[in-house]
N, C-alpha and C. Protein backbone atom coordinates (compact mmCIF):
# COMPACT_ATOMS: atom_id res chain seq x y z
N MET A 1 94.82 91.43 106.01
CA MET A 1 93.69 91.20 105.13
C MET A 1 93.65 92.30 104.07
N GLU A 2 93.27 91.91 102.88
CA GLU A 2 93.08 92.86 101.79
C GLU A 2 91.94 93.83 102.16
N ALA A 3 92.03 95.05 101.72
CA ALA A 3 90.97 96.03 101.97
C ALA A 3 89.67 95.53 101.35
N ILE A 4 88.57 95.85 101.99
CA ILE A 4 87.25 95.58 101.44
C ILE A 4 86.68 96.93 101.02
N VAL A 5 86.29 97.05 99.76
CA VAL A 5 85.84 98.32 99.20
C VAL A 5 84.40 98.17 98.74
N LEU A 6 83.51 98.98 99.32
CA LEU A 6 82.09 98.93 99.00
C LEU A 6 81.70 100.15 98.18
N SER A 7 80.97 99.91 97.10
CA SER A 7 80.49 101.00 96.27
C SER A 7 79.03 100.74 95.92
N GLY A 8 78.39 101.75 95.39
CA GLY A 8 76.99 101.67 95.00
C GLY A 8 76.38 103.04 95.12
N PHE A 9 75.16 103.16 94.61
CA PHE A 9 74.47 104.44 94.69
C PHE A 9 74.15 104.80 96.14
N SER A 10 73.78 106.04 96.36
CA SER A 10 73.49 106.51 97.72
C SER A 10 72.33 105.73 98.33
N ALA A 11 72.41 105.55 99.65
CA ALA A 11 71.38 104.90 100.46
C ALA A 11 71.16 103.43 100.11
N VAL A 12 72.18 102.79 99.56
CA VAL A 12 72.07 101.37 99.23
C VAL A 12 72.51 100.49 100.40
N GLY A 13 73.13 101.09 101.40
CA GLY A 13 73.54 100.35 102.59
C GLY A 13 75.04 100.17 102.75
N LYS A 14 75.83 100.97 102.04
CA LYS A 14 77.30 100.85 102.09
C LYS A 14 77.83 101.06 103.51
N THR A 15 77.46 102.15 104.13
CA THR A 15 78.01 102.49 105.45
C THR A 15 77.55 101.50 106.50
N THR A 16 76.29 101.10 106.45
CA THR A 16 75.78 100.13 107.42
C THR A 16 76.52 98.81 107.30
N ALA A 17 76.67 98.31 106.07
CA ALA A 17 77.40 97.06 105.86
C ALA A 17 78.86 97.22 106.28
N ALA A 18 79.47 98.33 105.94
CA ALA A 18 80.87 98.56 106.29
C ALA A 18 81.07 98.53 107.81
N ASN A 19 80.16 99.14 108.54
CA ASN A 19 80.28 99.16 110.00
C ASN A 19 80.13 97.77 110.60
N ILE A 20 79.23 96.97 110.06
CA ILE A 20 79.05 95.60 110.55
C ILE A 20 80.30 94.77 110.27
N ILE A 21 80.82 94.88 109.04
CA ILE A 21 82.03 94.14 108.65
C ILE A 21 83.20 94.55 109.54
N ALA A 22 83.38 95.84 109.73
CA ALA A 22 84.49 96.34 110.54
C ALA A 22 84.40 95.82 111.97
N GLU A 23 83.20 95.82 112.52
CA GLU A 23 83.03 95.33 113.89
C GLU A 23 83.36 93.84 113.98
N ARG A 24 82.88 93.06 113.02
CA ARG A 24 83.12 91.61 113.05
C ARG A 24 84.58 91.25 112.82
N LEU A 25 85.28 92.03 111.99
CA LEU A 25 86.65 91.69 111.64
C LEU A 25 87.70 92.54 112.36
N GLY A 26 87.25 93.48 113.17
CA GLY A 26 88.18 94.34 113.90
C GLY A 26 88.94 95.30 112.99
N LEU A 27 88.25 95.83 111.99
CA LEU A 27 88.86 96.75 111.04
C LEU A 27 88.31 98.15 111.22
N LYS A 28 88.99 99.12 110.64
CA LYS A 28 88.55 100.50 110.65
C LYS A 28 87.75 100.77 109.37
N VAL A 29 86.75 101.63 109.47
CA VAL A 29 85.97 102.06 108.30
C VAL A 29 86.43 103.46 107.90
N VAL A 30 86.67 103.64 106.61
CA VAL A 30 87.02 104.95 106.08
C VAL A 30 86.14 105.22 104.87
N GLY A 31 85.59 106.42 104.82
CA GLY A 31 84.78 106.82 103.68
C GLY A 31 85.22 108.17 103.17
N GLY A 32 84.58 108.59 102.10
CA GLY A 32 84.92 109.87 101.49
C GLY A 32 84.82 111.03 102.46
N GLY A 33 83.83 111.02 103.34
CA GLY A 33 83.67 112.10 104.32
C GLY A 33 84.86 112.18 105.26
N ASP A 34 85.41 111.02 105.63
CA ASP A 34 86.60 111.00 106.49
C ASP A 34 87.78 111.64 105.77
N ILE A 35 87.92 111.32 104.50
CA ILE A 35 89.03 111.88 103.72
C ILE A 35 88.85 113.39 103.55
N LEU A 36 87.61 113.82 103.31
CA LEU A 36 87.36 115.26 103.18
C LEU A 36 87.70 115.99 104.48
N ARG A 37 87.43 115.38 105.62
CA ARG A 37 87.81 115.99 106.90
C ARG A 37 89.34 116.10 107.00
N GLU A 38 90.05 115.04 106.59
CA GLU A 38 91.52 115.10 106.57
C GLU A 38 91.99 116.27 105.71
N MET A 39 91.40 116.39 104.53
CA MET A 39 91.79 117.44 103.60
C MET A 39 91.47 118.82 104.18
N ALA A 40 90.35 118.93 104.87
CA ALA A 40 90.00 120.20 105.51
C ALA A 40 91.04 120.57 106.56
N GLU A 41 91.41 119.59 107.39
CA GLU A 41 92.44 119.85 108.40
C GLU A 41 93.75 120.27 107.76
N ASP A 42 94.13 119.59 106.68
CA ASP A 42 95.38 119.94 105.97
C ASP A 42 95.35 121.37 105.45
N ARG A 43 94.15 121.88 105.19
CA ARG A 43 94.01 123.24 104.67
C ARG A 43 93.73 124.27 105.76
N GLY A 44 93.87 123.85 107.03
CA GLY A 44 93.74 124.79 108.14
C GLY A 44 92.33 124.91 108.72
N TYR A 45 91.40 124.11 108.26
CA TYR A 45 90.06 124.12 108.84
C TYR A 45 90.05 123.27 110.10
N HIS A 46 88.96 123.38 110.87
CA HIS A 46 88.82 122.64 112.12
C HIS A 46 87.50 121.87 112.11
N PRO A 47 87.44 120.76 111.37
CA PRO A 47 86.18 120.02 111.21
C PRO A 47 85.82 119.19 112.44
N GLN A 48 85.11 119.80 113.36
CA GLN A 48 84.71 119.14 114.60
C GLN A 48 83.20 118.94 114.62
N GLY A 49 82.76 117.75 115.00
CA GLY A 49 81.35 117.46 115.16
C GLY A 49 80.67 117.08 113.85
N GLU A 50 79.58 116.35 114.00
CA GLU A 50 78.83 115.88 112.83
C GLU A 50 78.20 117.02 112.04
N ASP A 51 77.88 118.11 112.72
CA ASP A 51 77.21 119.23 112.04
C ASP A 51 78.19 120.25 111.47
N TRP A 52 79.50 119.94 111.50
CA TRP A 52 80.50 120.89 111.01
C TRP A 52 80.21 121.31 109.57
N TRP A 53 79.74 120.39 108.75
CA TRP A 53 79.49 120.69 107.34
C TRP A 53 78.47 121.80 107.16
N ASP A 54 77.62 122.00 108.17
CA ASP A 54 76.58 123.03 108.11
C ASP A 54 77.02 124.35 108.74
N THR A 55 78.23 124.40 109.28
CA THR A 55 78.73 125.64 109.89
C THR A 55 79.27 126.56 108.79
N GLU A 56 79.53 127.81 109.17
CA GLU A 56 80.10 128.77 108.22
C GLU A 56 81.42 128.25 107.65
N GLU A 57 82.26 127.68 108.53
CA GLU A 57 83.54 127.15 108.07
C GLU A 57 83.35 125.95 107.14
N GLY A 58 82.43 125.05 107.50
CA GLY A 58 82.16 123.89 106.66
C GLY A 58 81.63 124.27 105.29
N ILE A 59 80.78 125.26 105.26
CA ILE A 59 80.24 125.75 103.98
C ILE A 59 81.34 126.40 103.15
N ARG A 60 82.24 127.14 103.79
CA ARG A 60 83.36 127.75 103.09
C ARG A 60 84.26 126.66 102.48
N PHE A 61 84.49 125.58 103.23
CA PHE A 61 85.28 124.46 102.71
C PHE A 61 84.59 123.82 101.52
N ALA A 62 83.28 123.64 101.61
CA ALA A 62 82.52 123.04 100.50
C ALA A 62 82.62 123.90 99.24
N LYS A 63 82.58 125.20 99.42
CA LYS A 63 82.72 126.10 98.26
C LYS A 63 84.11 125.99 97.65
N GLU A 64 85.13 125.87 98.50
CA GLU A 64 86.50 125.68 97.99
C GLU A 64 86.57 124.39 97.18
N ARG A 65 85.95 123.34 97.70
CA ARG A 65 85.93 122.06 96.99
C ARG A 65 85.26 122.20 95.63
N ASP A 66 84.15 122.90 95.59
CA ASP A 66 83.39 123.06 94.35
C ASP A 66 84.17 123.83 93.28
N THR A 67 85.10 124.69 93.69
CA THR A 67 85.84 125.49 92.70
C THR A 67 87.13 124.82 92.25
N ASN A 68 87.46 123.67 92.83
CA ASN A 68 88.71 122.99 92.51
C ASN A 68 88.41 121.65 91.84
N PRO A 69 88.62 121.53 90.54
CA PRO A 69 88.30 120.28 89.84
C PRO A 69 89.16 119.09 90.27
N ASP A 70 90.29 119.34 90.90
CA ASP A 70 91.16 118.24 91.33
C ASP A 70 90.87 117.77 92.75
N PHE A 71 89.94 118.42 93.41
CA PHE A 71 89.64 118.12 94.81
C PHE A 71 89.21 116.66 94.98
N ASP A 72 88.23 116.23 94.18
CA ASP A 72 87.73 114.86 94.31
C ASP A 72 88.80 113.84 93.95
N LYS A 73 89.63 114.17 92.97
CA LYS A 73 90.71 113.26 92.60
C LYS A 73 91.72 113.12 93.73
N GLU A 74 92.00 114.22 94.43
CA GLU A 74 92.91 114.14 95.58
C GLU A 74 92.32 113.24 96.66
N ALA A 75 91.03 113.40 96.92
CA ALA A 75 90.37 112.55 97.93
C ALA A 75 90.44 111.08 97.52
N ASP A 76 90.19 110.80 96.25
CA ASP A 76 90.25 109.42 95.77
C ASP A 76 91.65 108.85 95.89
N GLU A 77 92.67 109.64 95.58
CA GLU A 77 94.05 109.16 95.68
C GLU A 77 94.40 108.83 97.13
N ARG A 78 93.90 109.61 98.06
CA ARG A 78 94.14 109.30 99.47
C ARG A 78 93.48 107.98 99.85
N LEU A 79 92.27 107.75 99.35
CA LEU A 79 91.60 106.46 99.61
C LEU A 79 92.37 105.32 98.97
N VAL A 80 92.86 105.50 97.76
CA VAL A 80 93.63 104.46 97.07
C VAL A 80 94.84 104.06 97.90
N ARG A 81 95.53 105.03 98.49
CA ARG A 81 96.70 104.72 99.32
C ARG A 81 96.29 103.91 100.56
N LYS A 82 95.16 104.23 101.15
CA LYS A 82 94.69 103.48 102.32
C LYS A 82 94.30 102.06 101.91
N ILE A 83 93.65 101.92 100.76
CA ILE A 83 93.25 100.61 100.27
C ILE A 83 94.48 99.74 100.04
N ALA A 84 95.54 100.31 99.49
CA ALA A 84 96.76 99.55 99.20
C ALA A 84 97.38 98.96 100.47
N LYS A 85 97.19 99.62 101.60
CA LYS A 85 97.75 99.13 102.87
C LYS A 85 96.95 97.96 103.43
N GLY A 86 95.66 97.82 103.05
CA GLY A 86 94.82 96.72 103.53
C GLY A 86 94.30 96.95 104.93
N ASP A 87 93.68 95.89 105.48
CA ASP A 87 93.13 95.91 106.84
C ASP A 87 92.20 97.09 107.08
N ILE A 88 91.29 97.33 106.14
CA ILE A 88 90.39 98.47 106.24
C ILE A 88 89.13 98.17 105.41
N VAL A 89 88.03 98.77 105.80
CA VAL A 89 86.80 98.73 105.01
C VAL A 89 86.57 100.14 104.50
N VAL A 90 86.43 100.28 103.18
CA VAL A 90 86.29 101.59 102.56
C VAL A 90 84.94 101.68 101.85
N THR A 91 84.26 102.79 102.05
CA THR A 91 83.09 103.09 101.24
C THR A 91 83.50 104.19 100.27
N SER A 92 83.28 103.93 98.99
CA SER A 92 83.74 104.88 97.98
C SER A 92 82.93 104.70 96.71
N TYR A 93 82.59 105.81 96.09
CA TYR A 93 81.92 105.74 94.81
C TYR A 93 82.87 105.32 93.70
N THR A 94 84.11 105.82 93.71
CA THR A 94 84.97 105.71 92.53
C THR A 94 86.18 104.80 92.63
N THR A 95 86.70 104.55 93.82
CA THR A 95 87.99 103.85 93.89
C THR A 95 87.99 102.45 93.26
N PRO A 96 86.87 101.73 93.21
CA PRO A 96 86.95 100.43 92.54
C PRO A 96 87.43 100.51 91.09
N TRP A 97 87.19 101.62 90.44
CA TRP A 97 87.60 101.77 89.05
C TRP A 97 89.04 102.28 88.92
N ILE A 98 89.59 102.86 89.99
CA ILE A 98 90.90 103.51 89.83
C ILE A 98 92.03 102.80 90.56
N THR A 99 91.74 101.67 91.18
CA THR A 99 92.80 100.86 91.79
C THR A 99 92.50 99.39 91.53
N ASP A 100 93.57 98.60 91.44
CA ASP A 100 93.38 97.16 91.29
C ASP A 100 93.47 96.45 92.63
N LYS A 101 93.62 97.19 93.70
CA LYS A 101 93.73 96.63 95.05
C LYS A 101 92.35 96.50 95.70
N GLY A 102 92.25 95.57 96.64
CA GLY A 102 91.05 95.42 97.44
C GLY A 102 90.06 94.43 96.90
N PHE A 103 89.21 93.95 97.80
CA PHE A 103 88.07 93.11 97.44
C PHE A 103 86.91 94.07 97.22
N LYS A 104 86.44 94.15 95.99
CA LYS A 104 85.50 95.20 95.59
C LYS A 104 84.08 94.64 95.47
N VAL A 105 83.15 95.35 96.11
CA VAL A 105 81.75 94.92 96.15
C VAL A 105 80.85 96.05 95.69
N TRP A 106 79.99 95.76 94.73
CA TRP A 106 78.96 96.69 94.29
C TRP A 106 77.66 96.31 94.99
N LEU A 107 77.08 97.24 95.72
CA LEU A 107 75.79 97.04 96.35
C LEU A 107 74.74 97.67 95.46
N LYS A 108 73.75 96.87 95.12
CA LYS A 108 72.74 97.25 94.14
C LYS A 108 71.37 97.28 94.82
N GLY A 109 70.61 98.34 94.56
CA GLY A 109 69.26 98.42 95.11
C GLY A 109 68.40 99.33 94.26
N THR A 110 67.11 99.08 94.27
CA THR A 110 66.20 99.91 93.50
C THR A 110 66.08 101.29 94.14
N PRO A 111 65.78 102.30 93.35
CA PRO A 111 65.58 103.64 93.93
C PRO A 111 64.51 103.66 95.01
N GLU A 112 63.47 102.86 94.85
CA GLU A 112 62.38 102.83 95.83
C GLU A 112 62.87 102.30 97.18
N CYS A 113 63.59 101.19 97.17
CA CYS A 113 64.09 100.63 98.43
C CYS A 113 65.14 101.53 99.06
N ARG A 114 65.97 102.14 98.24
CA ARG A 114 66.97 103.07 98.75
C ARG A 114 66.29 104.28 99.38
N ALA A 115 65.22 104.77 98.78
CA ALA A 115 64.48 105.90 99.34
C ALA A 115 63.84 105.51 100.67
N GLU A 116 63.34 104.27 100.76
CA GLU A 116 62.78 103.81 102.03
C GLU A 116 63.85 103.77 103.12
N ARG A 117 65.06 103.31 102.76
CA ARG A 117 66.16 103.31 103.72
C ARG A 117 66.48 104.73 104.18
N MET A 118 66.51 105.62 103.22
CA MET A 118 66.83 107.02 103.53
C MET A 118 65.75 107.62 104.44
N THR A 119 64.50 107.26 104.20
CA THR A 119 63.39 107.75 105.02
C THR A 119 63.61 107.34 106.48
N THR A 120 63.97 106.09 106.70
CA THR A 120 64.21 105.59 108.05
C THR A 120 65.45 106.25 108.65
N ARG A 121 66.52 106.31 107.88
CA ARG A 121 67.80 106.85 108.37
C ARG A 121 67.70 108.33 108.69
N ASP A 122 67.10 109.11 107.77
CA ASP A 122 67.10 110.57 107.90
C ASP A 122 65.80 111.14 108.46
N LYS A 123 64.85 110.26 108.75
CA LYS A 123 63.55 110.70 109.28
C LYS A 123 62.92 111.75 108.36
N THR A 124 62.87 111.41 107.06
CA THR A 124 62.39 112.33 106.03
C THR A 124 61.24 111.68 105.26
N ASP A 125 60.42 112.48 104.64
CA ASP A 125 59.30 112.05 103.84
C ASP A 125 59.76 111.19 102.66
N LEU A 126 59.01 110.12 102.35
CA LEU A 126 59.38 109.20 101.27
C LEU A 126 59.48 109.90 99.92
N GLN A 127 58.53 110.75 99.59
CA GLN A 127 58.58 111.43 98.29
C GLN A 127 59.79 112.34 98.19
N GLU A 128 60.14 112.99 99.29
CA GLU A 128 61.34 113.83 99.29
C GLU A 128 62.59 112.98 99.09
N CYS A 129 62.62 111.80 99.72
CA CYS A 129 63.77 110.91 99.57
C CYS A 129 63.88 110.40 98.13
N ILE A 130 62.77 110.09 97.49
CA ILE A 130 62.80 109.66 96.09
C ILE A 130 63.35 110.78 95.22
N ARG A 131 62.93 112.00 95.49
CA ARG A 131 63.42 113.15 94.72
C ARG A 131 64.93 113.31 94.91
N VAL A 132 65.40 113.22 96.16
CA VAL A 132 66.82 113.37 96.45
C VAL A 132 67.64 112.25 95.81
N ILE A 133 67.15 111.02 95.90
CA ILE A 133 67.84 109.87 95.28
C ILE A 133 68.01 110.11 93.78
N ASN A 134 66.95 110.54 93.12
CA ASN A 134 67.02 110.78 91.67
C ASN A 134 68.05 111.86 91.33
N ILE A 135 68.08 112.93 92.11
CA ILE A 135 69.05 114.00 91.89
C ILE A 135 70.47 113.48 92.12
N ARG A 136 70.69 112.78 93.23
CA ARG A 136 72.03 112.27 93.55
C ARG A 136 72.51 111.28 92.49
N ASP A 137 71.62 110.40 92.06
CA ASP A 137 72.01 109.41 91.05
C ASP A 137 72.47 110.10 89.77
N LYS A 138 71.68 111.03 89.30
CA LYS A 138 72.04 111.75 88.06
C LYS A 138 73.34 112.51 88.23
N GLU A 139 73.52 113.18 89.38
CA GLU A 139 74.73 113.95 89.62
C GLU A 139 75.96 113.04 89.71
N ASN A 140 75.83 111.91 90.41
CA ASN A 140 76.96 110.99 90.52
C ASN A 140 77.34 110.41 89.15
N ILE A 141 76.36 110.03 88.37
CA ILE A 141 76.63 109.50 87.02
C ILE A 141 77.37 110.56 86.20
N ARG A 142 76.89 111.79 86.24
CA ARG A 142 77.51 112.87 85.47
C ARG A 142 78.92 113.17 85.98
N LEU A 143 79.07 113.30 87.30
CA LEU A 143 80.35 113.67 87.89
C LEU A 143 81.43 112.63 87.58
N TYR A 144 81.13 111.36 87.80
CA TYR A 144 82.16 110.34 87.64
C TYR A 144 82.47 110.05 86.18
N LYS A 145 81.51 110.33 85.32
CA LYS A 145 81.79 110.25 83.88
C LYS A 145 82.78 111.37 83.50
N SER A 146 82.54 112.57 84.02
CA SER A 146 83.41 113.70 83.67
C SER A 146 84.79 113.59 84.33
N LEU A 147 84.86 113.08 85.56
CA LEU A 147 86.15 112.98 86.25
C LEU A 147 87.01 111.83 85.74
N TYR A 148 86.39 110.66 85.54
CA TYR A 148 87.16 109.45 85.26
C TYR A 148 86.68 108.66 84.04
N ASN A 149 85.65 109.15 83.38
CA ASN A 149 85.03 108.40 82.28
C ASN A 149 84.48 107.06 82.77
N ILE A 150 83.93 107.06 83.97
CA ILE A 150 83.31 105.87 84.57
C ILE A 150 81.83 105.86 84.20
N ASP A 151 81.35 104.69 83.81
CA ASP A 151 79.91 104.50 83.61
C ASP A 151 79.34 103.99 84.93
N PHE A 152 79.20 104.92 85.87
CA PHE A 152 78.81 104.60 87.24
C PHE A 152 77.44 103.93 87.26
N GLY A 153 77.39 102.77 87.87
CA GLY A 153 76.13 102.05 88.00
C GLY A 153 75.87 101.05 86.89
N THR A 154 76.58 101.17 85.78
CA THR A 154 76.37 100.21 84.68
C THR A 154 77.63 99.38 84.39
N ASP A 155 78.80 99.93 84.55
CA ASP A 155 80.04 99.19 84.34
C ASP A 155 80.46 98.55 85.66
N LEU A 156 80.16 97.28 85.80
CA LEU A 156 80.46 96.58 87.06
C LEU A 156 81.67 95.66 86.92
N ARG A 157 82.45 95.81 85.88
CA ARG A 157 83.62 94.96 85.65
C ARG A 157 84.64 94.97 86.78
N PRO A 158 84.86 96.09 87.48
CA PRO A 158 85.90 96.07 88.52
C PRO A 158 85.53 95.23 89.75
N PHE A 159 84.29 94.78 89.85
CA PHE A 159 83.82 94.22 91.11
C PHE A 159 83.99 92.70 91.20
N ASP A 160 84.42 92.27 92.39
CA ASP A 160 84.54 90.84 92.69
C ASP A 160 83.19 90.24 93.05
N LEU A 161 82.27 91.09 93.51
CA LEU A 161 80.98 90.61 94.00
C LEU A 161 79.95 91.72 93.81
N VAL A 162 78.75 91.33 93.36
CA VAL A 162 77.62 92.25 93.25
C VAL A 162 76.50 91.67 94.11
N ILE A 163 75.95 92.50 94.99
CA ILE A 163 74.90 92.05 95.90
C ILE A 163 73.68 92.93 95.75
N GLU A 164 72.54 92.31 95.51
CA GLU A 164 71.25 92.99 95.50
C GLU A 164 70.82 93.13 96.96
N THR A 165 70.64 94.36 97.43
CA THR A 165 70.38 94.61 98.86
C THR A 165 68.90 94.75 99.22
N ASP A 166 68.02 94.87 98.24
CA ASP A 166 66.62 95.19 98.52
C ASP A 166 65.95 94.23 99.51
N LYS A 167 66.21 92.93 99.38
CA LYS A 167 65.50 91.96 100.22
C LYS A 167 66.41 91.29 101.24
N LYS A 168 67.54 91.93 101.51
CA LYS A 168 68.48 91.38 102.48
C LYS A 168 68.64 92.34 103.65
N THR A 169 68.85 91.77 104.82
CA THR A 169 69.15 92.61 105.99
C THR A 169 70.60 93.08 105.87
N PRO A 170 70.95 94.15 106.56
CA PRO A 170 72.35 94.58 106.57
C PRO A 170 73.31 93.47 107.03
N GLU A 171 72.87 92.67 107.98
CA GLU A 171 73.70 91.57 108.48
C GLU A 171 73.92 90.52 107.40
N GLU A 172 72.89 90.22 106.62
CA GLU A 172 73.04 89.26 105.52
C GLU A 172 74.01 89.78 104.46
N VAL A 173 73.89 91.07 104.14
CA VAL A 173 74.79 91.69 103.17
C VAL A 173 76.23 91.61 103.67
N ALA A 174 76.44 91.98 104.92
CA ALA A 174 77.79 91.95 105.50
C ALA A 174 78.35 90.53 105.49
N GLU A 175 77.54 89.56 105.82
CA GLU A 175 78.01 88.17 105.84
C GLU A 175 78.42 87.69 104.45
N LEU A 176 77.65 88.05 103.43
CA LEU A 176 78.02 87.69 102.05
C LEU A 176 79.36 88.32 101.66
N ILE A 177 79.57 89.56 102.07
CA ILE A 177 80.82 90.26 101.75
C ILE A 177 82.00 89.59 102.46
N ILE A 178 81.84 89.29 103.73
CA ILE A 178 82.91 88.65 104.49
C ILE A 178 83.25 87.29 103.87
N LYS A 179 82.25 86.50 103.56
CA LYS A 179 82.49 85.19 102.93
C LYS A 179 83.21 85.37 101.59
N GLY A 180 82.76 86.32 100.80
CA GLY A 180 83.38 86.57 99.50
C GLY A 180 84.84 86.97 99.64
N ALA A 181 85.12 87.84 100.60
CA ALA A 181 86.51 88.30 100.82
C ALA A 181 87.41 87.14 101.23
N TYR A 182 86.91 86.27 102.12
CA TYR A 182 87.71 85.13 102.55
C TYR A 182 87.88 84.12 101.42
N MET A 183 86.86 83.94 100.60
CA MET A 183 86.98 83.01 99.47
C MET A 183 88.02 83.52 98.48
N LYS A 184 88.02 84.82 98.21
CA LYS A 184 89.00 85.39 97.29
C LYS A 184 90.41 85.22 97.86
N ALA A 185 90.56 85.50 99.15
CA ALA A 185 91.88 85.36 99.78
C ALA A 185 92.36 83.91 99.74
N ALA A 186 91.44 82.96 99.96
CA ALA A 186 91.81 81.54 99.97
C ALA A 186 92.18 81.03 98.57
N SER A 187 91.65 81.68 97.54
CA SER A 187 91.92 81.23 96.17
C SER A 187 93.28 81.68 95.66
N ARG A 188 93.96 82.49 96.41
CA ARG A 188 95.29 82.99 95.96
C ARG A 188 96.39 82.04 96.29
């Protein structure tokens, strides 16, 4: 099966949908965090446990990443290679624009609904989540424009499917993606 690649702003439901799709289709899920762990291991770090990013070693790795402008591009290239092999579900902000491989889906949601999702997921105050969403959105738009000249969130040309997630359950979103992927495969 062709890789399924999910993109969209933070807290739109990419990881949740990816996990449902992977379970239903027997595929592996890979995201940017997984690739960053690979890169950390390659550089001699020992990224163990979910809280590793908050350890002294994890913080040191994050600082190394921040000082290297090619770091994110290396992570994206690793994802592109995995996408080319297929049989995988990928969550990625940028790869839909930098590879022609995969069934690409943009998940779209309002900042308010995304903040509500984040509140439930992270057990955080709604106003704090709205503030974080606004910061992340602006940073992602700026970063991907500077790295790749991508108009993140407005240029949806690379996508085979765009799904509004605000009024859909994660299961409904996953089902639409699976149907879309099979329809694209059948049309070849």
